[in-house]
PDB file of N, CA and C in Angstrom:
ATOM      1  N   MET A   1     140.758 -36.934 -72.097  1.00  0.00           N
ATOM      2  CA  MET A   1     141.990 -37.904 -71.825  1.00  0.00           C
ATOM      3  C   MET A   1     142.706 -37.344 -70.630  1.00  0.00           C
ATOM      4  N   PRO A   2     143.129 -38.425 -69.831  1.00  0.00           N
ATOM      5  CA  PRO A   2     144.519 -37.483 -68.620  1.00  0.00           C
ATOM      6  C   PRO A   2     145.286 -37.174 -68.975  1.00  0.00           C
ATOM      7  N   LEU A   3     145.908 -35.732 -68.707  1.00  0.00           N
ATOM      8  CA  LEU A   3     147.385 -35.820 -68.835  1.00  0.00           C
ATOM      9  C   LEU A   3     148.447 -36.427 -68.705  1.00  0.00           C
ATOM     10  N   ASP A   4     149.362 -36.590 -69.605  1.00  0.00           N
ATOM     11  CA  ASP A   4     150.017 -37.872 -69.427  1.00  0.00           C
ATOM     12  C   ASP A   4     151.268 -37.144 -68.479  1.00  0.00           C
ATOM     13  N   VAL A   5     151.456 -37.363 -67.159  1.00  0.00           N
ATOM     14  CA  VAL A   5     152.867 -36.815 -66.008  1.00  0.00           C
ATOM     15  C   VAL A   5     153.093 -37.729 -65.681  1.00  0.00           C
ATOM     16  N   ARG A   6     154.706 -37.662 -65.504  1.00  0.00           N
ATOM     17  CA  ARG A   6     155.529 -38.716 -65.018  1.00  0.00           C
ATOM     18  C   ARG A   6     156.114 -38.166 -63.673  1.00  0.00           C
ATOM     19  N   ILE A   7     156.438 -39.218 -62.687  1.00  0.00           N
ATOM     20  CA  ILE A   7     157.188 -38.683 -61.750  1.00  0.00           C
ATOM     21  C   ILE A   7     158.538 -38.062 -61.824  1.00  0.00           C
ATOM     22  N   GLY A   8     158.573 -36.893 -61.226  1.00  0.00           N
ATOM     23  CA  GLY A   8     159.977 -35.940 -61.591  1.00  0.00           C
ATOM     24  C   GLY A   8     159.732 -34.659 -62.754  1.00  0.00           C
ATOM     25  N   ASP A   9     158.716 -35.386 -63.572  1.00  0.00           N
ATOM     26  CA  ASP A   9     158.348 -34.155 -64.199  1.00  0.00           C
ATOM     27  C   ASP A   9     158.451 -32.594 -63.835  1.00  0.00           C
ATOM     28  N   VAL A  10     158.912 -31.558 -64.438  1.00  0.00           N
ATOM     29  CA  VAL A  10     158.339 -30.216 -63.546  1.00  0.00           C
ATOM     30  C   VAL A  10     157.171 -29.478 -64.700  1.00  0.00           C
ATOM     31  N   VAL A  11     156.209 -29.016 -64.005  1.00  0.00           N
ATOM     32  CA  VAL A  11     155.127 -28.569 -64.776  1.00  0.00           C
ATOM     33  C   VAL A  11     155.223 -27.044 -63.883  1.00  0.00           C
ATOM     34  N   ARG A  12     154.442 -26.281 -64.918  1.00  0.00           N
ATOM     35  CA  ARG A  12     154.500 -24.602 -65.082  1.00  0.00           C
ATOM     36  C   ARG A  12     152.732 -24.678 -64.807  1.00  0.00           C
ATOM     37  N   LEU A  13     152.344 -24.110 -63.749  1.00  0.00           N
ATOM     38  CA  LEU A  13     151.281 -23.624 -63.276  1.00  0.00           C
ATOM     39  C   LEU A  13     150.459 -22.388 -63.749  1.00  0.00           C
ATOM     40  N   ARG A  14     149.452 -21.935 -63.857  1.00  0.00           N
ATOM     41  CA  ARG A  14     148.733 -20.850 -64.256  1.00  0.00           C
ATOM     42  C   ARG A  14     149.224 -19.472 -63.205  1.00  0.00           C
ATOM     43  N   LYS A  15     148.712 -20.027 -61.963  1.00  0.00           N
ATOM     44  CA  LYS A  15     149.016 -18.914 -60.769  1.00  0.00           C
ATOM     45  C   LYS A  15     150.336 -18.970 -60.182  1.00  0.00           C
ATOM     46  N   PRO A  16     151.328 -17.789 -60.003  1.00  0.00           N
ATOM     47  CA  PRO A  16     152.033 -18.527 -58.858  1.00  0.00           C
ATOM     48  C   PRO A  16     152.024 -18.768 -57.570  1.00  0.00           C
ATOM     49  N   HIS A  17     153.066 -19.657 -57.130  1.00  0.00           N
ATOM     50  CA  HIS A  17     152.781 -19.848 -55.421  1.00  0.00           C
ATOM     51  C   HIS A  17     153.027 -18.856 -54.325  1.00  0.00           C
ATOM     52  N   PRO A  18     152.600 -18.568 -53.405  1.00  0.00           N
ATOM     53  CA  PRO A  18     153.087 -17.141 -52.832  1.00  0.00           C
ATOM     54  C   PRO A  18     154.514 -16.787 -52.495  1.00  0.00           C
ATOM     55  N   CYS A  19     155.129 -18.030 -52.530  1.00  0.00           N
ATOM     56  CA  CYS A  19     156.843 -17.357 -52.952  1.00  0.00           C
ATOM     57  C   CYS A  19     157.155 -17.035 -54.158  1.00  0.00           C
ATOM     58  N   GLY A  20     156.253 -16.837 -55.324  1.00  0.00           N
ATOM     59  CA  GLY A  20     156.602 -16.481 -56.429  1.00  0.00           C
ATOM     60  C   GLY A  20     157.308 -17.112 -57.254  1.00  0.00           C
ATOM     61  N   SER A  21     157.204 -18.575 -57.333  1.00  0.00           N
ATOM     62  CA  SER A  21     157.530 -19.479 -58.005  1.00  0.00           C
ATOM     63  C   SER A  21     156.432 -19.840 -59.034  1.00  0.00           C
ATOM     64  N   TYR A  22     156.811 -20.119 -60.017  1.00  0.00           N
ATOM     65  CA  TYR A  22     155.764 -21.198 -61.130  1.00  0.00           C
ATOM     66  C   TYR A  22     155.962 -22.721 -61.504  1.00  0.00           C
ATOM     67  N   GLU A  23     157.301 -22.856 -61.128  1.00  0.00           N
ATOM     68  CA  GLU A  23     157.438 -24.197 -61.483  1.00  0.00           C
ATOM     69  C   GLU A  23     157.218 -24.799 -60.141  1.00  0.00           C
ATOM     70  N   TRP A  24     157.167 -26.423 -60.387  1.00  0.00           N
ATOM     71  CA  TRP A  24     156.494 -27.327 -59.588  1.00  0.00           C
ATOM     72  C   TRP A  24     156.869 -28.783 -60.145  1.00  0.00           C
ATOM     73  N   GLU A  25     157.399 -29.679 -59.288  1.00  0.00           N
ATOM     74  CA  GLU A  25     157.875 -31.214 -59.599  1.00  0.00           C
ATOM     75  C   GLU A  25     156.835 -31.878 -59.283  1.00  0.00           C
ATOM     76  N   VAL A  26     156.942 -32.871 -59.997  1.00  0.00           N
ATOM     77  CA  VAL A  26     155.771 -33.692 -59.866  1.00  0.00           C
ATOM     78  C   VAL A  26     156.614 -35.327 -58.736  1.00  0.00           C
ATOM     79  N   VAL A  27     156.034 -35.358 -57.582  1.00  0.00           N
ATOM     80  CA  VAL A  27     156.173 -36.210 -56.924  1.00  0.00           C
ATOM     81  C   VAL A  27     155.302 -37.739 -56.462  1.00  0.00           C
ATOM     82  N   ARG A  28     154.061 -37.809 -56.683  1.00  0.00           N
ATOM     83  CA  ARG A  28     153.244 -38.902 -56.194  1.00  0.00           C
ATOM     84  C   ARG A  28     152.006 -38.632 -57.306  1.00  0.00           C
ATOM     85  N   LEU A  29     151.926 -39.415 -58.151  1.00  0.00           N
ATOM     86  CA  LEU A  29     150.638 -39.910 -58.877  1.00  0.00           C
ATOM     87  C   LEU A  29     149.578 -41.000 -58.642  1.00  0.00           C
ATOM     88  N   GLY A  30     148.426 -40.890 -58.864  1.00  0.00           N
ATOM     89  CA  GLY A  30     147.514 -41.714 -58.578  1.00  0.00           C
ATOM     90  C   GLY A  30     146.123 -40.599 -58.533  1.00  0.00           C
ATOM     91  N   ALA A  31     145.462 -40.832 -57.488  1.00  0.00           N
ATOM     92  CA  ALA A  31     143.779 -40.226 -58.109  1.00  0.00           C
ATOM     93  C   ALA A  31     144.157 -38.432 -57.635  1.00  0.00           C
ATOM     94  N   ASP A  32     145.308 -38.793 -56.614  1.00  0.00           N
ATOM     95  CA  ASP A  32     145.442 -37.445 -56.110  1.00  0.00           C
ATOM     96  C   ASP A  32     147.199 -37.427 -56.740  1.00  0.00           C
ATOM     97  N   ILE A  33     147.383 -35.618 -57.099  1.00  0.00           N
ATOM     98  CA  ILE A  33     148.978 -35.742 -57.647  1.00  0.00           C
ATOM     99  C   ILE A  33     149.776 -34.691 -56.197  1.00  0.00           C
ATOM    100  N   GLY A  34     150.593 -35.137 -56.138  1.00  0.00           N
ATOM    101  CA  GLY A  34     151.419 -34.824 -55.263  1.00  0.00           C
ATOM    102  C   GLY A  34     152.828 -33.883 -55.838  1.00  0.00           C
ATOM    103  N   ILE A  35     152.432 -32.668 -55.699  1.00  0.00           N
ATOM    104  CA  ILE A  35     153.564 -31.749 -56.454  1.00  0.00           C
ATOM    105  C   ILE A  35     154.536 -30.991 -55.154  1.00  0.00           C
ATOM    106  N   ARG A  36     155.984 -30.555 -55.353  1.00  0.00           N
ATOM    107  CA  ARG A  36     157.017 -29.877 -54.677  1.00  0.00           C
ATOM    108  C   ARG A  36     157.211 -28.739 -55.582  1.00  0.00           C
ATOM    109  N   CYS A  37     157.120 -27.277 -54.825  1.00  0.00           N
ATOM    110  CA  CYS A  37     157.221 -26.265 -54.949  1.00  0.00           C
ATOM    111  C   CYS A  37     158.626 -25.781 -55.272  1.00  0.00           C
ATOM    112  N   LEU A  38     159.513 -25.395 -56.615  1.00  0.00           N
ATOM    113  CA  LEU A  38     161.078 -25.343 -56.767  1.00  0.00           C
ATOM    114  C   LEU A  38     161.248 -24.089 -56.414  1.00  0.00           C
ATOM    115  N   GLY A  39     160.841 -23.253 -55.561  1.00  0.00           N
ATOM    116  CA  GLY A  39     161.217 -21.885 -55.213  1.00  0.00           C
ATOM    117  C   GLY A  39     161.551 -22.141 -53.486  1.00  0.00           C
ATOM    118  N   CYS A  40     159.956 -23.063 -52.816  1.00  0.00           N
ATOM    119  CA  CYS A  40     160.672 -23.280 -51.613  1.00  0.00           C
ATOM    120  C   CYS A  40     160.597 -24.175 -51.034  1.00  0.00           C
ATOM    121  N   GLY A  41     160.316 -25.468 -51.550  1.00  0.00           N
ATOM    122  CA  GLY A  41     159.733 -26.615 -51.150  1.00  0.00           C
ATOM    123  C   GLY A  41     158.851 -27.358 -50.793  1.00  0.00           C
ATOM    124  N   ARG A  42     157.675 -26.642 -50.628  1.00  0.00           N
ATOM    125  CA  ARG A  42     156.407 -27.156 -50.363  1.00  0.00           C
ATOM    126  C   ARG A  42     155.651 -28.232 -50.974  1.00  0.00           C
ATOM    127  N   ARG A  43     155.245 -28.797 -50.030  1.00  0.00           N
ATOM    128  CA  ARG A  43     154.940 -30.042 -50.862  1.00  0.00           C
ATOM    129  C   ARG A  43     153.211 -29.984 -50.968  1.00  0.00           C
ATOM    130  N   VAL A  44     152.402 -29.983 -51.967  1.00  0.00           N
ATOM    131  CA  VAL A  44     151.002 -29.825 -51.932  1.00  0.00           C
ATOM    132  C   VAL A  44     150.507 -30.975 -52.695  1.00  0.00           C
ATOM    133  N   LEU A  45     149.251 -31.748 -52.279  1.00  0.00           N
ATOM    134  CA  LEU A  45     148.519 -32.839 -52.807  1.00  0.00           C
ATOM    135  C   LEU A  45     147.017 -32.243 -53.244  1.00  0.00           C
ATOM    136  N   LEU A  46     147.009 -32.669 -54.742  1.00  0.00           N
ATOM    137  CA  LEU A  46     145.820 -31.891 -55.426  1.00  0.00           C
ATOM    138  C   LEU A  46     145.058 -32.986 -56.054  1.00  0.00           C
ATOM    139  N   PRO A  47     143.840 -33.102 -56.141  1.00  0.00           N
ATOM    140  CA  PRO A  47     142.868 -33.873 -57.181  1.00  0.00           C
ATOM    141  C   PRO A  47     143.341 -33.919 -58.450  1.00  0.00           C
ATOM    142  N   ARG A  48     143.464 -34.874 -59.082  1.00  0.00           N
ATOM    143  CA  ARG A  48     144.083 -35.076 -60.195  1.00  0.00           C
ATOM    144  C   ARG A  48     143.155 -34.090 -61.233  1.00  0.00           C
ATOM    145  N   ARG A  49     142.046 -34.061 -61.195  1.00  0.00           N
ATOM    146  CA  ARG A  49     141.277 -33.220 -62.023  1.00  0.00           C
ATOM    147  C   ARG A  49     141.174 -31.471 -61.764  1.00  0.00           C
ATOM    148  N   GLN A  50     141.401 -31.108 -60.570  1.00  0.00           N
ATOM    149  CA  GLN A  50     142.253 -29.877 -60.149  1.00  0.00           C
ATOM    150  C   GLN A  50     143.741 -29.531 -60.579  1.00  0.00           C
ATOM    151  N   PHE A  51     144.340 -30.840 -60.846  1.00  0.00           N
ATOM    152  CA  PHE A  51     145.655 -30.506 -61.175  1.00  0.00           C
ATOM    153  C   PHE A  51     146.233 -30.662 -62.623  1.00  0.00           C
ATOM    154  N   GLU A  52     145.058 -30.824 -63.268  1.00  0.00           N
ATOM    155  CA  GLU A  52     144.971 -30.973 -64.500  1.00  0.00           C
ATOM    156  C   GLU A  52     144.821 -29.290 -65.586  1.00  0.00           C
ATOM    157  N   ARG A  53     143.771 -29.030 -64.673  1.00  0.00           N
ATOM    158  CA  ARG A  53     143.407 -27.336 -64.644  1.00  0.00           C
ATOM    159  C   ARG A  53     144.246 -26.360 -64.809  1.00  0.00           C
ATOM    160  N   ARG A  54     144.934 -26.741 -63.582  1.00  0.00           N
ATOM    161  CA  ARG A  54     145.625 -25.689 -62.907  1.00  0.00           C
ATOM    162  C   ARG A  54     147.372 -25.638 -63.990  1.00  0.00           C
ATOM    163  N   VAL A  55     147.459 -26.842 -64.782  1.00  0.00           N
ATOM    164  CA  VAL A  55     148.321 -26.482 -65.363  1.00  0.00           C
ATOM    165  C   VAL A  55     148.608 -25.987 -66.739  1.00  0.00           C
ATOM    166  N   LYS A  56     149.717 -25.359 -67.118  1.00  0.00           N
ATOM    167  CA  LYS A  56     149.820 -24.447 -68.026  1.00  0.00           C
ATOM    168  C   LYS A  56     150.717 -25.213 -69.196  1.00  0.00           C
ATOM    169  N   THR A  57     151.622 -25.576 -68.668  1.00  0.00           N
ATOM    170  CA  THR A  57     152.402 -26.619 -69.589  1.00  0.00           C
ATOM    171  C   THR A  57     153.691 -27.265 -69.005  1.00  0.00           C
ATOM    172  N   ILE A  58     154.143 -28.325 -69.488  1.00  0.00           N
ATOM    173  CA  ILE A  58     155.069 -29.357 -68.807  1.00  0.00           C
ATOM    174  C   ILE A  58     156.358 -29.172 -69.441  1.00  0.00           C
ATOM    175  N   VAL A  59     157.615 -28.318 -68.395  1.00  0.00           N
ATOM    176  CA  VAL A  59     158.695 -27.833 -68.529  1.00  0.00           C
ATOM    177  C   VAL A  59     159.560 -28.315 -68.807  1.00  0.00           C
ATOM    178  N   CYS A  60     159.953 -29.511 -68.099  1.00  0.00           N
ATOM    179  CA  CYS A  60     160.806 -30.776 -68.431  1.00  0.00           C
ATOM    180  C   CYS A  60     160.441 -31.854 -68.288  1.00  0.00           C
ATOM    181  N   ARG A  61     160.518 -33.361 -68.635  1.00  0.00           N
ATOM    182  CA  ARG A  61     160.263 -34.382 -68.855  1.00  0.00           C
ATOM    183  C   ARG A  61     161.230 -35.309 -67.815  1.00  0.00           C
ATOM    184  N   ASN A  62     161.000 -36.172 -67.363  1.00  0.00           N
ATOM    185  CA  ASN A  62     161.580 -37.016 -66.119  1.00  0.00           C
ATOM    186  C   ASN A  62     161.963 -38.365 -67.357  1.00  0.00           C
ATOM    187  N   SER A  63     162.880 -38.447 -68.079  1.00  0.00           N
ATOM    188  CA  SER A  63     162.660 -39.756 -69.206  1.00  0.00           C
ATOM    189  C   SER A  63     163.351 -40.879 -68.359  1.00  0.00           C
ATOM    190  N   SER A  64     163.850 -41.229 -67.403  1.00  0.00           N
ATOM    191  CA  SER A  64     163.915 -42.153 -66.864  1.00  0.00           C
ATOM    192  C   SER A  64     163.042 -42.850 -66.721  1.00  0.00           C
ATOM    193  N   SER A  65     161.595 -42.417 -66.139  1.00  0.00           N
ATOM    194  CA  SER A  65     160.937 -43.399 -65.270  1.00  0.00           C
ATOM    195  C   SER A  65     159.879 -43.495 -66.589  1.00  0.00           C
ATOM    196  N   PRO A  66     159.212 -44.949 -66.371  1.00  0.00           N
ATOM    197  CA  PRO A  66     158.499 -45.083 -67.380  1.00  0.00           C
ATOM    198  C   PRO A  66     156.609 -44.600 -67.223  1.00  0.00           C
ATOM    199  N   PRO A  67     156.768 -44.171 -68.668  1.00  0.00           N
ATOM    200  CA  PRO A  67     154.844 -43.617 -68.294  1.00  0.00           C
ATOM    201  C   PRO A  67     153.984 -44.242 -67.390  1.00  0.00           C
ATOM    202  N   ALA A  68     152.774 -43.250 -66.585  1.00  0.00           N
ATOM    203  CA  ALA A  68     152.236 -43.824 -65.951  1.00  0.00           C
ATOM    204  C   ALA A  68     151.182 -44.484 -66.380  1.00  0.00           C
ATOM    205  N   ASP A  69     150.153 -45.395 -66.139  1.00  0.00           N
ATOM    206  CA  ASP A  69     149.068 -46.079 -66.653  1.00  0.00           C
ATOM    207  C   ASP A  69     147.672 -45.389 -65.820  1.00  0.00           C
TER     208      ASP A  69
END
């Protein structure tokens, strides 16, 4: 079952970004997931399968947007 993520959610990844931050904001959904580093602002596009393997936990939910289908 796919991970339930929404645009605006903050997720913690298993390994840190080179800037030292573990937390990322979800900025794009689809077959690829777009995330933005909360430490340096770098944007990365990951295939959904790779993103789901790298996520450790969802830190903060964005309650204003409806769930993605």
